[in-house]
């Protein structure tokens, strides 16, 4: 695997491939800290759900949205390096944004 990434980074790519291979079509995977829900659809990982802010959370609404966007971008980056397309069917926050 020669992708121009370090051996340390390679472990993340390998983890993403393994995680995705364990998911059946239609299976769901989530990131608890930011409340992102992904669903496997064929050869694609799709963001299908986003936890809304709640006043009982320790993060402010803007901070939660920032965390969600950051986590989505990281998932897209690392799964992308593993050859897996990551898209989204829902918005994070009230307005559209660039990934």
Protein backbone atom coordinates (compact mmCIF):
# COMPACT_ATOMS: atom_id res chain seq x y z
CA UNK A 1 0.00 0.00 0.00
CA UNK A 2 1.92 3.00 -1.25
CA UNK A 3 -0.29 6.04 -0.82
CA UNK A 4 2.26 8.53 0.38
CA UNK A 5 1.14 8.18 3.98
CA UNK A 6 3.17 7.29 7.03
CA UNK A 7 3.12 3.83 8.64
CA UNK A 8 1.21 5.37 11.55
CA UNK A 9 -1.43 6.78 9.20
CA UNK A 10 -1.60 3.46 7.36
CA UNK A 11 -3.12 1.86 10.46
CA UNK A 12 -6.12 4.22 10.18
CA UNK A 13 -6.64 3.29 6.54
CA UNK A 14 -6.44 -0.42 7.39
CA UNK A 15 -8.92 0.08 10.26
CA UNK A 16 -11.36 1.84 7.91
CA UNK A 17 -11.18 -0.98 5.38
CA UNK A 18 -11.75 -3.58 8.09
CA UNK A 19 -14.62 -1.66 9.65
CA UNK A 20 -16.33 -1.22 6.29
CA UNK A 21 -15.82 -4.88 5.35
CA UNK A 22 -17.54 -5.93 8.59
CA UNK A 23 -20.63 -3.88 7.74
CA UNK A 24 -23.39 -5.56 5.76
CA UNK A 25 -25.28 -3.47 3.22
CA UNK A 26 -27.73 -1.37 5.26
CA UNK A 27 -25.69 -1.67 8.48
CA UNK A 28 -25.36 1.41 10.68
CA UNK A 29 -22.25 2.80 12.39
CA UNK A 30 -22.12 5.83 14.65
CA UNK A 31 -19.70 8.22 16.30
CA UNK A 32 -21.01 8.75 19.84
CA UNK A 33 -19.05 11.92 20.66
CA UNK A 34 -20.66 13.87 17.83
CA UNK A 35 -23.82 11.90 17.18
CA UNK A 36 -23.13 11.11 13.53
CA UNK A 37 -24.87 8.05 12.09
CA UNK A 38 -23.57 6.42 8.90
CA UNK A 39 -25.20 3.67 6.83
CA UNK A 40 -23.46 1.38 4.38
CA UNK A 41 -25.11 1.53 0.97
CA UNK A 42 -23.29 -0.79 -1.38
CA UNK A 43 -19.73 0.45 -1.71
CA UNK A 44 -20.52 3.81 -0.10
CA UNK A 45 -20.70 5.04 3.49
CA UNK A 46 -23.50 7.60 3.80
CA UNK A 47 -24.14 10.05 6.64
CA UNK A 48 -27.82 9.41 7.33
CA UNK A 49 -28.36 10.96 10.75
CA UNK A 50 -27.09 13.80 12.91
CA UNK A 51 -27.86 14.21 16.60
CA UNK A 52 -29.46 17.59 17.27
CA UNK A 53 -28.19 19.81 20.05
CA UNK A 54 -29.80 19.43 23.45
CA UNK A 55 -29.49 21.92 26.30
CA UNK A 56 -28.22 19.14 28.59
CA UNK A 57 -25.11 18.59 26.44
CA UNK A 58 -21.83 20.00 27.75
CA UNK A 59 -21.14 21.54 24.31
CA UNK A 60 -22.81 24.65 22.93
CA UNK A 61 -24.80 24.22 19.71
CA UNK A 62 -22.10 25.92 17.57
CA UNK A 63 -19.38 23.76 19.16
CA UNK A 64 -21.38 20.57 18.52
CA UNK A 65 -21.88 21.52 14.87
CA UNK A 66 -18.16 22.25 14.54
CA UNK A 67 -17.35 18.84 16.08
CA UNK A 68 -19.83 17.08 13.78
CA UNK A 69 -18.40 18.73 10.68
CA UNK A 70 -14.86 17.95 11.78
CA UNK A 71 -15.71 14.30 12.45
CA UNK A 72 -17.47 14.00 9.08
CA UNK A 73 -14.44 15.46 7.30
CA UNK A 74 -12.11 13.03 9.10
CA UNK A 75 -14.33 10.04 8.22
CA UNK A 76 -14.43 11.20 4.62
CA UNK A 77 -10.65 11.61 4.55
CA UNK A 78 -9.65 8.27 6.10
CA UNK A 79 -12.31 6.10 4.51
CA UNK A 80 -11.54 7.86 1.23
CA UNK A 81 -7.88 6.90 1.54
CA UNK A 82 -9.14 3.35 2.04
CA UNK A 83 -10.98 3.58 -1.30
CA UNK A 84 -14.44 4.03 0.23
CA UNK A 85 -16.66 6.90 -0.89
CA UNK A 86 -18.28 8.85 1.95
CA UNK A 87 -21.30 11.04 1.19
CA UNK A 88 -24.16 12.54 3.16
CA UNK A 89 -27.94 12.51 2.89
CA UNK A 90 -28.46 15.12 5.59
CA UNK A 91 -27.10 18.48 6.66
CA UNK A 92 -24.97 19.28 9.67
CA UNK A 93 -26.25 22.53 11.12
CA UNK A 94 -28.86 24.68 9.47
CA UNK A 95 -26.97 25.69 6.36
CA UNK A 96 -25.06 23.81 3.72
CA UNK A 97 -21.27 23.79 3.94
CA UNK A 98 -18.33 22.67 1.89
CA UNK A 99 -16.39 19.51 2.78
